[in-house]
Protein backbone atom coordinates (compact mmCIF):
# COMPACT_ATOMS: atom_id res chain seq x y z
CA UNK A 1 -54.46 -2.84 68.96
CA UNK A 2 -57.18 -0.44 68.09
CA UNK A 3 -58.53 -0.01 64.64
CA UNK A 4 -56.96 3.34 64.31
CA UNK A 5 -53.51 2.09 65.33
CA UNK A 6 -53.90 -0.91 63.02
CA UNK A 7 -54.81 1.34 60.11
CA UNK A 8 -51.79 3.58 60.75
CA UNK A 9 -49.49 0.54 61.00
CA UNK A 10 -50.91 -0.90 57.79
CA UNK A 11 -50.51 2.42 56.05
CA UNK A 12 -46.91 2.74 57.21
CA UNK A 13 -46.09 -0.80 56.10
CA UNK A 14 -47.63 -0.11 52.67
CA UNK A 15 -45.56 3.05 52.32
CA UNK A 16 -42.43 1.17 53.29
CA UNK A 17 -43.20 -1.56 50.74
CA UNK A 18 -43.75 1.04 48.02
CA UNK A 19 -40.44 2.72 48.87
CA UNK A 20 -38.58 -0.60 48.75
CA UNK A 21 -40.25 -1.45 45.43
CA UNK A 22 -39.31 1.95 43.98
CA UNK A 23 -35.72 1.53 45.11
CA UNK A 24 -35.63 -1.93 43.50
CA UNK A 25 -36.90 -0.45 40.23
CA UNK A 26 -34.19 2.19 40.38
CA UNK A 27 -31.60 -0.50 40.98
CA UNK A 28 -32.88 -2.48 38.00
CA UNK A 29 -32.72 0.66 35.87
CA UNK A 30 -29.15 1.25 36.99
CA UNK A 31 -28.22 -2.33 36.15
CA UNK A 32 -29.76 -1.95 32.70
CA UNK A 33 -27.81 1.26 32.13
CA UNK A 34 -24.61 -0.39 33.30
CA UNK A 35 -25.20 -3.35 30.98
CA UNK A 36 -25.90 -1.02 28.05
CA UNK A 37 -22.73 0.93 28.88
CA UNK A 38 -20.69 -2.27 28.97
CA UNK A 39 -22.09 -3.28 25.57
CA UNK A 40 -21.19 0.11 24.13
CA UNK A 41 -17.68 -0.18 25.57
CA UNK A 42 -17.30 -3.63 24.02
CA UNK A 43 -18.46 -2.29 20.64
CA UNK A 44 -16.06 0.63 20.87
CA UNK A 45 -13.19 -1.70 21.78
CA UNK A 46 -14.00 -3.96 18.82
CA UNK A 47 -14.07 -0.98 16.46
CA UNK A 48 -10.77 0.31 17.86
CA UNK A 49 -9.21 -3.12 17.39
CA UNK A 50 -10.48 -3.27 13.81
CA UNK A 51 -9.10 0.19 13.16
CA UNK A 52 -5.70 -0.78 14.56
CA UNK A 53 -5.63 -3.88 12.35
CA UNK A 54 -6.44 -1.73 9.33
CA UNK A 55 -3.67 0.70 10.26
CA UNK A 56 -1.17 -2.17 10.51
CA UNK A 57 -2.30 -3.51 7.14
CA UNK A 58 -1.95 -0.03 5.66
CA UNK A 59 1.56 0.31 7.08
CA UNK A 60 2.50 -3.06 5.58
CA UNK A 61 1.10 -1.98 2.21
CA UNK A 62 3.05 1.28 2.38
CA UNK A 63 6.26 -0.60 3.15
CA UNK A 64 5.59 -2.95 0.25
CA UNK A 65 4.92 -0.01 -2.06
CA UNK A 66 8.18 1.62 -0.96
CA UNK A 67 10.09 -1.59 -1.73
CA UNK A 68 8.44 -1.81 -5.12
CA UNK A 69 9.27 1.84 -5.81
CA UNK A 70 12.92 1.24 -4.94
CA UNK A 71 13.02 -1.86 -7.13
CA UNK A 72 11.44 0.12 -9.96
CA UNK A 73 14.03 2.87 -9.57
CA UNK A 74 16.81 0.28 -9.73
CA UNK A 75 15.29 -1.22 -12.86
CA UNK A 76 15.00 2.23 -14.45
CA UNK A 77 18.66 2.94 -13.67
CA UNK A 78 19.65 -0.41 -15.16
CA UNK A 79 17.58 0.29 -18.27
CA UNK A 80 19.24 3.70 -18.64
CA UNK A 81 22.66 2.07 -18.35
CA UNK A 82 21.73 -0.51 -20.96
CA UNK A 83 20.41 2.20 -23.29
CA UNK A 84 23.66 4.15 -23.00
CA UNK A 85 25.64 0.98 -23.61
CA UNK A 86 23.50 0.25 -26.66
CA UNK A 87 24.07 3.77 -27.99
CA UNK A 88 27.84 3.36 -27.58
CA UNK A 89 27.68 0.04 -29.39
CA UNK A 90 25.67 1.61 -32.22
CA UNK A 91 28.25 4.39 -32.57
CA UNK A 92 31.07 1.86 -32.60
CA UNK A 93 29.19 -0.18 -35.20
CA UNK A 94 28.67 2.90 -37.36
CA UNK A 95 32.40 3.70 -37.12
CA UNK A 96 33.25 0.14 -38.09
CA UNK A 97 30.83 0.29 -41.02
CA UNK A 98 32.35 3.57 -42.16
CA UNK A 99 35.85 2.11 -41.93
CA UNK A 100 34.78 -1.00 -43.81
CA UNK A 101 33.13 1.13 -46.52
CA UNK A 102 36.28 3.24 -46.83
CA UNK A 103 38.46 0.14 -47.13
CA UNK A 104 36.15 -1.36 -49.74
CA UNK A 105 36.18 1.87 -51.74
CA UNK A 106 39.94 2.01 -51.48
CA UNK A 107 40.24 -1.62 -52.58
CA UNK A 108 37.79 -1.03 -55.41
CA UNK A 109 39.77 2.01 -56.49
CA UNK A 110 42.95 -0.04 -56.50
CA UNK A 111 41.34 -2.82 -58.53
CA UNK A 112 39.92 -0.28 -60.93
CA UNK A 113 43.31 1.35 -61.20
CA UNK A 114 44.92 -1.99 -61.89
CA UNK A 115 42.48 -2.67 -64.68
CA UNK A 116 43.28 0.68 -66.20
CA UNK A 117 46.98 -0.14 -66.02
CA UNK A 118 46.37 -3.55 -67.54
CA UNK A 119 44.27 -2.01 -70.30
CA UNK A 120 46.99 0.51 -70.93
CA UNK A 121 49.64 -2.20 -71.30
CA UNK A 122 47.59 -4.09 -73.85
CA UNK A 123 48.30 -3.06 -77.42
């Protein structure tokens, strides 16, 4: 091989090596990008999972609040019933008191009348 041919062959082999090296660097860059993309996907999946868990917890809390609201409404209705019952009992008690007072006045009037009659009979 002549010097000139050897130089051309060496130059060609160096160019080929540089091309292969550049392609390898591009491949490494692509791998890095793919790895970074996979990491981002994993992070996004984790955040989505966390969000779904929070939504489920929120739904449970809403259901619990609804139950408590219904129980509260029942208790309010029961309290209203009891209040009405108490009012009726108070009215009945007032009527009974009024009747008792009237009877006592009537009895007192009779006793007073008897005393007057007894006083009148005495000389």
